[in-house]
C-alpha atoms as a PDB file:
ATOM      1  CA  MET A   1     112.887  34.563 113.336  1.00  0.00           C
ATOM      2  CA  GLU A   2     113.903  31.890 110.977  1.00  0.00           C
ATOM      3  CA  ASP A   3     110.691  29.905 111.836  1.00  0.00           C
ATOM      4  CA  THR A   4     108.584  32.958 111.030  1.00  0.00           C
ATOM      5  CA  LYS A   5     110.089  33.359 107.460  1.00  0.00           C
ATOM      6  CA  LYS A   6     109.830  29.717 106.752  1.00  0.00           C
ATOM      7  CA  ARG A   7     106.175  29.807 107.598  1.00  0.00           C
ATOM      8  CA  LYS A   8     105.728  32.732 105.255  1.00  0.00           C
ATOM      9  CA  SER A   9     107.538  31.000 102.499  1.00  0.00           C
ATOM     10  CA  ASP A  10     105.599  28.006 102.915  1.00  0.00           C
ATOM     11  CA  GLU A  11     102.348  29.831 102.279  1.00  0.00           C
ATOM     12  CA  PRO A  12     100.831  29.392  98.720  1.00  0.00           C
ATOM     13  CA  SER A  13     101.310  32.262  96.331  1.00  0.00           C
ATOM     14  CA  GLY A  14     100.694  32.931  92.622  1.00  0.00           C
ATOM     15  CA  PRO A  15      97.819  34.109  90.196  1.00  0.00           C
ATOM     16  CA  ASP A  16      95.671  31.029  90.774  1.00  0.00           C
ATOM     17  CA  VAL A  17      95.462  31.415  94.433  1.00  0.00           C
ATOM     18  CA  VAL A  18      92.143  32.791  95.841  1.00  0.00           C
ATOM     19  CA  SER A  19      92.817  35.079  98.834  1.00  0.00           C
ATOM     20  CA  THR A  20      90.640  34.222 101.908  1.00  0.00           C
ATOM     21  CA  LYS A  21      90.918  37.504 103.485  1.00  0.00           C
ATOM     22  CA  LYS A  22      87.759  39.423 104.144  1.00  0.00           C
ATOM     23  CA  THR A  23      87.690  42.851 102.444  1.00  0.00           C
ATOM     24  CA  LYS A  24      85.360  45.482 103.566  1.00  0.00           C
ATOM     25  CA  LYS A  25      82.943  46.817 101.058  1.00  0.00           C
ATOM     26  CA  PRO A  26      82.486  50.413 100.747  1.00  0.00           C
ATOM     27  CA  TRP A  27      79.601  52.023 102.645  1.00  0.00           C
ATOM     28  CA  GLN A  28      77.146  53.892 100.310  1.00  0.00           C
ATOM     29  CA  MET A  29      74.700  56.175 101.185  1.00  0.00           C
ATOM     30  CA  PRO A  30      70.918  54.943 100.835  1.00  0.00           C
ATOM     31  CA  ARG A  31      69.052  56.419  98.018  1.00  0.00           C
ATOM     32  CA  LYS A  32      65.907  58.328  98.701  1.00  0.00           C
ATOM     33  CA  LYS A  33      62.702  57.602  96.993  1.00  0.00           C
ATOM     34  CA  PHE A  34      61.502  60.894  95.516  1.00  0.00           C
ATOM     35  CA  PRO A  35      57.901  61.364  94.513  1.00  0.00           C
ATOM     36  CA  SER A  36      57.340  61.054  90.697  1.00  0.00           C
ATOM     37  CA  ALA A  37      56.708  64.551  88.918  1.00  0.00           C
ATOM     38  CA  PRO A  38      53.095  65.376  88.170  1.00  0.00           C
ATOM     39  CA  SER A  39      51.921  64.716  84.818  1.00  0.00           C
ATOM     40  CA  ILE A  40      48.589  65.390  82.975  1.00  0.00           C
ATOM     41  CA  ASN A  41      46.053  62.266  82.737  1.00  0.00           C
ATOM     42  CA  PRO A  42      43.134  61.863  80.597  1.00  0.00           C
ATOM     43  CA  GLY A  43      40.022  63.000  82.886  1.00  0.00           C
ATOM     44  CA  ASP A  44      42.169  65.589  84.405  1.00  0.00           C
ATOM     45  CA  ALA A  45      40.905  69.380  84.569  1.00  0.00           C
ATOM     46  CA  GLY A  46      43.022  72.412  84.875  1.00  0.00           C
ATOM     47  CA  ILE A  47      44.119  75.582  83.508  1.00  0.00           C
ATOM     48  CA  TRP A  48      46.567  76.741  80.741  1.00  0.00           C
ATOM     49  CA  ALA A  49      48.699  79.717  81.023  1.00  0.00           C
ATOM     50  CA  THR A  50      51.057  81.740  79.058  1.00  0.00           C
ATOM     51  CA  CYS A  51      53.636  83.859  80.075  1.00  0.00           C
ATOM     52  CA  ASP A  52      56.824  85.968  79.132  1.00  0.00           C
ATOM     53  CA  MET A  53      59.727  84.425  77.343  1.00  0.00           C
ATOM     54  CA  HIS A  54      62.029  82.822  80.015  1.00  0.00           C
ATOM     55  CA  ARG A  55      59.662  83.556  82.580  1.00  0.00           C
ATOM     56  CA  GLU A  56      58.222  80.332  83.439  1.00  0.00           C
ATOM     57  CA  GLY A  57      59.706  80.215  87.113  1.00  0.00           C
ATOM     58  CA  GLN A  58      58.568  83.541  88.108  1.00  0.00           C
ATOM     59  CA  CYS A  59      54.943  83.077  86.368  1.00  0.00           C
ATOM     60  CA  THR A  60      54.460  79.889  88.378  1.00  0.00           C
ATOM     61  CA  VAL A  61      54.901  81.475  91.606  1.00  0.00           C
ATOM     62  CA  GLU A  62      52.470  84.333  90.552  1.00  0.00           C
ATOM     63  CA  LEU A  63      49.826  82.007  89.696  1.00  0.00           C
ATOM     64  CA  LYS A  64      50.236  79.765  92.763  1.00  0.00           C
ATOM     65  CA  ASP A  65      49.503  83.083  94.659  1.00  0.00           C
ATOM     66  CA  LEU A  66      46.647  84.121  92.498  1.00  0.00           C
ATOM     67  CA  PHE A  67      45.000  80.952  92.503  1.00  0.00           C
ATOM     68  CA  ASN A  68      45.395  80.305  96.134  1.00  0.00           C
ATOM     69  CA  HIS A  69      43.919  83.956  96.770  1.00  0.00           C
ATOM     70  CA  TYR A  70      40.853  83.325  94.566  1.00  0.00           C
ATOM     71  CA  ALA A  71      40.284  79.730  96.068  1.00  0.00           C
ATOM     72  CA  GLY A  72      40.164  81.550  99.496  1.00  0.00           C
ATOM     73  CA  LEU A  73      37.880  84.091  98.189  1.00  0.00           C
ATOM     74  CA  ILE A  74      35.286  81.764  96.185  1.00  0.00           C
ATOM     75  CA  TYR A  75      35.518  78.577  97.812  1.00  0.00           C
ATOM     76  CA  GLY A  76      36.235  79.813 101.436  1.00  0.00           C
ATOM     77  CA  GLU A  77      32.830  81.884 101.079  1.00  0.00           C
ATOM     78  CA  VAL A  78      30.975  78.596  99.891  1.00  0.00           C
ATOM     79  CA  THR A  79      32.545  76.390 102.689  1.00  0.00           C
ATOM     80  CA  ALA A  80      31.296  79.061 105.265  1.00  0.00           C
ATOM     81  CA  ASN A  81      28.139  79.357 103.680  1.00  0.00           C
ATOM     82  CA  ASN A  82      27.530  75.485 104.022  1.00  0.00           C
ATOM     83  CA  ALA A  83      28.565  75.325 107.542  1.00  0.00           C
ATOM     84  CA  ALA A  84      26.684  72.650 109.392  1.00  0.00           C
ATOM     85  CA  VAL A  85      24.154  74.090 111.827  1.00  0.00           C
ATOM     86  CA  MET A  86      24.738  72.979 115.488  1.00  0.00           C
ATOM     87  CA  ASP A  87      21.705  71.517 117.451  1.00  0.00           C
ATOM     88  CA  ASP A  88      21.150  70.776 121.079  1.00  0.00           C
ATOM     89  CA  THR A  89      20.961  66.841 120.515  1.00  0.00           C
ATOM     90  CA  PRO A  90      23.506  65.135 123.076  1.00  0.00           C
ATOM     91  CA  VAL A  91      26.633  63.744 121.298  1.00  0.00           C
ATOM     92  CA  SER A  92      28.203  60.634 122.927  1.00  0.00           C
ATOM     93  CA  SER A  93      31.968  60.417 123.223  1.00  0.00           C
ATOM     94  CA  GLU A  94      32.143  57.680 120.322  1.00  0.00           C
ATOM     95  CA  ASP A  95      30.409  60.255 117.827  1.00  0.00           C
ATOM     96  CA  ILE A  96      32.940  63.008 118.981  1.00  0.00           C
ATOM     97  CA  GLU A  97      35.936  60.479 118.510  1.00  0.00           C
ATOM     98  CA  ALA A  98      34.635  59.276 115.107  1.00  0.00           C
ATOM     99  CA  GLU A  99      33.937  63.123 114.071  1.00  0.00           C
ATOM    100  CA  ILE A 100      37.782  63.962 115.064  1.00  0.00           C
ATOM    101  CA  ASN A 101      39.012  61.056 113.121  1.00  0.00           C
ATOM    102  CA  ARG A 102      37.291  62.148 110.203  1.00  0.00           C
ATOM    103  CA  GLU A 103      38.283  65.526 110.120  1.00  0.00           C
ATOM    104  CA  MET A 104      41.971  64.509 110.605  1.00  0.00           C
ATOM    105  CA  GLN A 105      41.777  62.261 107.694  1.00  0.00           C
ATOM    106  CA  ASP A 106      40.155  64.973 105.482  1.00  0.00           C
ATOM    107  CA  LEU A 107      43.077  67.416 106.534  1.00  0.00           C
ATOM    108  CA  GLN A 108      45.588  64.473 105.456  1.00  0.00           C
ATOM    109  CA  ASN A 109      43.631  64.287 102.180  1.00  0.00           C
ATOM    110  CA  PHE A 110      43.852  67.927 101.552  1.00  0.00           C
ATOM    111  CA  LYS A 111      47.485  68.072 102.378  1.00  0.00           C
ATOM    112  CA  HIS A 112      48.460  65.396  99.771  1.00  0.00           C
ATOM    113  CA  GLU A 113      45.942  66.590  97.139  1.00  0.00           C
ATOM    114  CA  ALA A 114      46.718  70.189  96.598  1.00  0.00           C
ATOM    115  CA  MET A 115      43.971  72.283  94.963  1.00  0.00           C
ATOM    116  CA  PHE A 116      46.424  73.492  92.180  1.00  0.00           C
ATOM    117  CA  VAL A 117      49.415  71.410  91.040  1.00  0.00           C
ATOM    118  CA  PRO A 118      51.791  72.972  88.496  1.00  0.00           C
ATOM    119  CA  VAL A 119      52.958  70.373  85.631  1.00  0.00           C
ATOM    120  CA  LYS A 120      55.988  71.050  83.835  1.00  0.00           C
ATOM    121  CA  ILE A 121      55.551  70.691  79.901  1.00  0.00           C
ATOM    122  CA  ASP A 122      58.341  70.991  77.255  1.00  0.00           C
ATOM    123  CA  VAL A 123      56.542  73.861  75.486  1.00  0.00           C
ATOM    124  CA  GLN A 124      58.247  77.423  75.798  1.00  0.00           C
ATOM    125  CA  CYS A 125      56.030  80.096  77.387  1.00  0.00           C
ATOM    126  CA  VAL A 126      53.022  77.754  78.528  1.00  0.00           C
ATOM    127  CA  LEU A 127      52.439  76.420  81.963  1.00  0.00           C
ATOM    128  CA  PHE A 128      49.595  74.050  83.063  1.00  0.00           C
ATOM    129  CA  PHE A 129      48.028  73.913  86.377  1.00  0.00           C
ATOM    130  CA  LYS A 130      45.939  70.932  87.527  1.00  0.00           C
ATOM    131  CA  THR A 131      42.885  71.496  89.375  1.00  0.00           C
ATOM    132  CA  ARG A 132      40.817  69.328  91.649  1.00  0.00           C
ATOM    133  CA  GLU A 133      37.215  69.924  93.235  1.00  0.00           C
ATOM    134  CA  PRO A 134      35.550  72.168  94.095  1.00  0.00           C
ATOM    135  CA  VAL A 135      37.670  74.216  91.606  1.00  0.00           C
ATOM    136  CA  GLU A 136      35.623  74.468  88.193  1.00  0.00           C
ATOM    137  CA  PRO A 137      38.276  75.721  85.895  1.00  0.00           C
ATOM    138  CA  VAL A 138      35.779  77.960  83.703  1.00  0.00           C
ATOM    139  CA  SER A 139      33.872  79.702  86.330  1.00  0.00           C
ATOM    140  CA  PHE A 140      37.216  80.097  88.267  1.00  0.00           C
ATOM    141  CA  VAL A 141      39.092  82.073  85.531  1.00  0.00           C
ATOM    142  CA  HIS A 142      36.071  84.004  84.558  1.00  0.00           C
ATOM    143  CA  ARG A 143      35.936  85.200  88.187  1.00  0.00           C
ATOM    144  CA  ILE A 144      39.452  86.307  87.833  1.00  0.00           C
ATOM    145  CA  CYS A 145      39.150  88.165  84.705  1.00  0.00           C
ATOM    146  CA  SER A 146      36.036  89.720  85.441  1.00  0.00           C
ATOM    147  CA  ASP A 147      37.454  91.131  88.736  1.00  0.00           C
ATOM    148  CA  ALA A 148      40.376  92.385  86.858  1.00  0.00           C
ATOM    149  CA  MET A 149      38.025  93.962  84.080  1.00  0.00           C
ATOM    150  CA  ASN A 150      35.943  95.578  86.675  1.00  0.00           C
ATOM    151  CA  GLU A 151      39.105  96.869  88.718  1.00  0.00           C
ATOM    152  CA  VAL A 152      37.747  94.921  92.041  1.00  0.00           C
ATOM    153  CA  THR A 153      41.569  93.837  92.645  1.00  0.00           C
ATOM    154  CA  SER A 154      44.692  95.579  91.708  1.00  0.00           C
ATOM    155  CA  GLN A 155      46.982  93.689  89.423  1.00  0.00           C
ATOM    156  CA  LYS A 156      48.769  90.748  91.061  1.00  0.00           C
ATOM    157  CA  THR A 157      50.975  89.388  88.295  1.00  0.00           C
ATOM    158  CA  ARG A 158      53.637  90.630  86.129  1.00  0.00           C
ATOM    159  CA  HIS A 159      54.304  87.780  83.805  1.00  0.00           C
ATOM    160  CA  VAL A 160      51.314  86.084  83.254  1.00  0.00           C
ATOM    161  CA  LYS A 161      49.338  86.588  80.020  1.00  0.00           C
ATOM    162  CA  ARG A 162      46.508  84.207  78.756  1.00  0.00           C
ATOM    163  CA  LEU A 163      44.532  81.864  80.926  1.00  0.00           C
ATOM    164  CA  THR A 164      42.658  78.982  79.229  1.00  0.00           C
ATOM    165  CA  PRO A 165      40.365  76.774  81.351  1.00  0.00           C
ATOM    166  CA  MET A 166      40.114  73.264  80.626  1.00  0.00           C
ATOM    167  CA  THR A 167      37.225  71.162  81.728  1.00  0.00           C
ATOM    168  CA  ARG A 168      38.605  67.907  80.636  1.00  0.00           C
ATOM    169  CA  MET A 169      41.985  66.706  79.332  1.00  0.00           C
ATOM    170  CA  GLY A 170      42.972  63.747  77.189  1.00  0.00           C
ATOM    171  CA  LYS A 171      45.561  62.459  74.739  1.00  0.00           C
ATOM    172  CA  ALA A 172      46.072  64.280  71.390  1.00  0.00           C
ATOM    173  CA  THR A 173      44.292  61.228  69.460  1.00  0.00           C
ATOM    174  CA  ASP A 174      41.020  61.273  67.332  1.00  0.00           C
ATOM    175  CA  LYS A 175      39.482  58.563  69.839  1.00  0.00           C
ATOM    176  CA  SER A 176      40.241  60.760  72.876  1.00  0.00           C
ATOM    177  CA  LEU A 177      39.274  63.942  71.128  1.00  0.00           C
ATOM    178  CA  GLU A 178      35.759  62.264  70.590  1.00  0.00           C
ATOM    179  CA  GLU A 179      35.762  60.991  74.422  1.00  0.00           C
ATOM    180  CA  VAL A 180      36.497  64.445  75.799  1.00  0.00           C
ATOM    181  CA  ALA A 181      34.182  66.330  73.449  1.00  0.00           C
ATOM    182  CA  LYS A 182      31.258  63.945  74.686  1.00  0.00           C
ATOM    183  CA  ALA A 183      31.986  64.645  78.183  1.00  0.00           C
ATOM    184  CA  VAL A 184      32.459  68.282  77.896  1.00  0.00           C
ATOM    185  CA  LEU A 185      29.655  69.058  75.457  1.00  0.00           C
ATOM    186  CA  ALA A 186      26.859  67.160  76.978  1.00  0.00           C
ATOM    187  CA  PRO A 187      26.280  69.538  79.961  1.00  0.00           C
ATOM    188  CA  VAL A 188      25.888  72.646  77.612  1.00  0.00           C
ATOM    189  CA  PHE A 189      24.245  71.093  74.382  1.00  0.00           C
ATOM    190  CA  HIS A 190      22.655  67.825  75.075  1.00  0.00           C
ATOM    191  CA  ARG A 191      20.616  68.032  78.281  1.00  0.00           C
ATOM    192  CA  ASP A 192      16.740  67.507  77.952  1.00  0.00           C
ATOM    193  CA  GLY A 193      15.055  70.731  77.186  1.00  0.00           C
ATOM    194  CA  ILE A 194      18.104  72.822  75.977  1.00  0.00           C
ATOM    195  CA  PRO A 195      16.886  75.202  73.094  1.00  0.00           C
ATOM    196  CA  ALA A 196      18.905  75.822  69.818  1.00  0.00           C
ATOM    197  CA  GLN A 197      22.328  77.346  70.857  1.00  0.00           C
ATOM    198  CA  LYS A 198      24.890  79.394  68.726  1.00  0.00           C
ATOM    199  CA  PHE A 199      28.400  78.117  69.074  1.00  0.00           C
ATOM    200  CA  ALA A 200      31.822  78.704  67.602  1.00  0.00           C
ATOM    201  CA  ILE A 201      35.090  76.653  68.016  1.00  0.00           C
ATOM    202  CA  ARG A 202      38.551  77.974  68.342  1.00  0.00           C
ATOM    203  CA  THR A 203      41.713  75.534  68.475  1.00  0.00           C
ATOM    204  CA  THR A 204      45.185  76.159  69.363  1.00  0.00           C
ATOM    205  CA  ILE A 205      47.740  73.560  68.305  1.00  0.00           C
ATOM    206  CA  ARG A 206      51.477  73.918  69.087  1.00  0.00           C
ATOM    207  CA  ASN A 207      54.071  71.168  68.626  1.00  0.00           C
ATOM    208  CA  ASN A 208      51.679  68.831  67.076  1.00  0.00           C
ATOM    209  CA  HIS A 209      51.694  67.798  63.543  1.00  0.00           C
ATOM    210  CA  ALA A 210      49.462  64.774  63.724  1.00  0.00           C
ATOM    211  CA  MET A 211      46.034  66.632  64.399  1.00  0.00           C
ATOM    212  CA  LYS A 212      44.995  69.058  61.786  1.00  0.00           C
ATOM    213  CA  ARG A 213      42.865  72.224  62.790  1.00  0.00           C
ATOM    214  CA  ASP A 214      40.007  71.692  60.272  1.00  0.00           C
ATOM    215  CA  ASP A 215      39.758  68.351  61.152  1.00  0.00           C
ATOM    216  CA  VAL A 216      39.226  69.036  64.697  1.00  0.00           C
ATOM    217  CA  ILE A 217      36.847  71.760  64.028  1.00  0.00           C
ATOM    218  CA  LYS A 218      34.793  69.575  61.966  1.00  0.00           C
ATOM    219  CA  ARG A 219      34.751  66.565  64.188  1.00  0.00           C
ATOM    220  CA  VAL A 220      33.741  68.834  67.248  1.00  0.00           C
ATOM    221  CA  ALA A 221      31.139  70.444  65.382  1.00  0.00           C
ATOM    222  CA  ASP A 222      29.654  67.334  64.247  1.00  0.00           C
ATOM    223  CA  LEU A 223      29.450  66.126  67.968  1.00  0.00           C
ATOM    224  CA  VAL A 224      27.569  69.292  68.843  1.00  0.00           C
ATOM    225  CA  GLY A 225      25.096  68.387  66.197  1.00  0.00           C
ATOM    226  CA  GLU A 226      21.393  69.697  65.619  1.00  0.00           C
ATOM    227  CA  PRO A 227      19.662  71.939  66.445  1.00  0.00           C
ATOM    228  CA  HIS A 228      22.548  73.950  67.521  1.00  0.00           C
ATOM    229  CA  THR A 229      24.258  76.132  64.804  1.00  0.00           C
ATOM    230  CA  VAL A 230      27.701  77.741  63.995  1.00  0.00           C
ATOM    231  CA  ASP A 231      28.157  81.604  64.337  1.00  0.00           C
ATOM    232  CA  LEU A 232      31.465  82.857  64.694  1.00  0.00           C
ATOM    233  CA  LYS A 233      30.655  86.484  65.686  1.00  0.00           C
ATOM    234  CA  ASN A 234      27.650  86.188  67.717  1.00  0.00           C
ATOM    235  CA  TYR A 235      27.812  82.732  69.400  1.00  0.00           C
ATOM    236  CA  ASP A 236      26.393  81.902  72.931  1.00  0.00           C
ATOM    237  CA  TRP A 237      29.219  79.681  73.428  1.00  0.00           C
ATOM    238  CA  LEU A 238      32.798  79.341  72.361  1.00  0.00           C
ATOM    239  CA  ILE A 239      34.495  75.759  72.359  1.00  0.00           C
ATOM    240  CA  LEU A 240      38.093  76.089  73.258  1.00  0.00           C
ATOM    241  CA  VAL A 241      40.211  73.005  72.148  1.00  0.00           C
ATOM    242  CA  ASP A 242      43.918  73.337  73.088  1.00  0.00           C
ATOM    243  CA  ILE A 243      46.490  70.960  71.990  1.00  0.00           C
ATOM    244  CA  TYR A 244      50.199  70.874  72.943  1.00  0.00           C
ATOM    245  CA  ARG A 245      52.493  68.278  71.907  1.00  0.00           C
ATOM    246  CA  ASN A 246      50.573  64.941  72.788  1.00  0.00           C
ATOM    247  CA  ILE A 247      48.015  66.470  75.152  1.00  0.00           C
ATOM    248  CA  LEU A 248      44.554  67.656  74.533  1.00  0.00           C
ATOM    249  CA  GLY A 249      41.991  69.759  76.122  1.00  0.00           C
ATOM    250  CA  MET A 250      38.820  71.333  75.883  1.00  0.00           C
ATOM    251  CA  GLY A 251      36.431  73.902  77.599  1.00  0.00           C
ATOM    252  CA  ILE A 252      33.567  76.116  76.983  1.00  0.00           C
ATOM    253  CA  VAL A 253      33.350  79.553  77.732  1.00  0.00           C
ATOM    254  CA  GLY A 254      30.560  82.209  77.377  1.00  0.00           C
ATOM    255  CA  SER A 255      29.835  85.153  74.812  1.00  0.00           C
ATOM    256  CA  ASP A 256      31.758  87.856  77.175  1.00  0.00           C
ATOM    257  CA  PHE A 257      35.020  86.122  75.988  1.00  0.00           C
ATOM    258  CA  GLU A 258      35.912  88.641  73.693  1.00  0.00           C
ATOM    259  CA  GLN A 259      35.000  91.630  75.965  1.00  0.00           C
ATOM    260  CA  LEU A 260      37.171  89.852  78.758  1.00  0.00           C
ATOM    261  CA  LYS A 261      40.278  89.875  76.247  1.00  0.00           C
ATOM    262  CA  ARG A 262      39.958  86.395  75.662  1.00  0.00           C
ATOM    263  CA  PHE A 263      41.188  85.718  79.400  1.00  0.00           C
ATOM    264  CA  ASN A 264      44.480  87.753  78.805  1.00  0.00           C
ATOM    265  CA  ILE A 265      45.099  89.280  82.184  1.00  0.00           C
ATOM    266  CA  ALA A 266      47.888  91.429  80.784  1.00  0.00           C
ATOM    267  CA  GLU A 267      45.557  92.915  78.145  1.00  0.00           C
ATOM    268  CA  ILE A 268      43.050  93.378  80.621  1.00  0.00           C
ATOM    269  CA  TYR A 269      45.333  95.386  82.911  1.00  0.00           C
ATOM    270  CA  GLU A 270      47.524  97.111  80.127  1.00  0.00           C
ATOM    271  CA  PRO A 271      45.756  97.196  76.892  1.00  0.00           C
ATOM    272  CA  SER A 272      48.218  97.312  74.056  1.00  0.00           C
ATOM    273  CA  ALA A 273      48.274 100.418  71.630  1.00  0.00           C
ATOM    274  CA  THR A 274      46.491  98.434  68.902  1.00  0.00           C
ATOM    275  CA  ALA A 275      43.814  97.348  70.954  1.00  0.00           C
ATOM    276  CA  ASN A 276      43.049 100.933  72.085  1.00  0.00           C
ATOM    277  CA  ALA A 277      43.590 102.691  68.531  1.00  0.00           C
ATOM    278  CA  PRO A 278      40.623 103.965  66.955  1.00  0.00           C
ATOM    279  CA  LYS A 279      38.901 102.336  64.093  1.00  0.00           C
ATOM    280  CA  THR A 280      39.187 103.972  60.600  1.00  0.00           C
ATOM    281  CA  SER A 281      37.027 103.510  57.953  1.00  0.00           C
END
């Protein structure tokens, strides 16, 4: 006992002595790497949507169902009509294996690249869905609203209001406005042999104080150029320019835009009392 106490007392001690005992480090849960949230990038296409206040979550679910339903109707039919015609030519095992591998790769790409991707933006009552081919936003939204107007389908949404198709997106800058406009305007106004067209421009600007409405309209009109002319009431084409925060988008819709309630689904199914009121002289 005395020897044991003596050995303990002979051990060095004090604040300057470094302990040689090993300490166990606390175990930590490995961090999971979550995928980054989807964002809107220059060159994207998509659809703006407005909804009832504080109903953004329900509206997102409604639009996913609505868009997927119409994607099946429109592009499912196209896929069926364009199916490859089989012939009686013998196929080797190598060809079969290559075809299977190609189809598996296509399925993987489809899984990772959804046709409609909701993007969260910090603007109240406004949503955005990115689209990818074969979806063409303008004709896609037009089909939805035309069916609603012609009562082809029953109402499938409660909180969705207006849909605004955007053929191309960019940053909310003067330079980007010009780049987006040139790309969007060219197929409608600048192809060879196109006769003079009447057009109008409608802008929506929210949470952005840098870009002014009159400046945007003038710049886009200049880019349309001659021989096309402005006609605010009897236009052939309406150019939509939507700017939210630092994001800019552009799309071109036809002359039935007003007839289709400016693509406002809620107004098509349940017209407001103001819209139905008879005009008085």
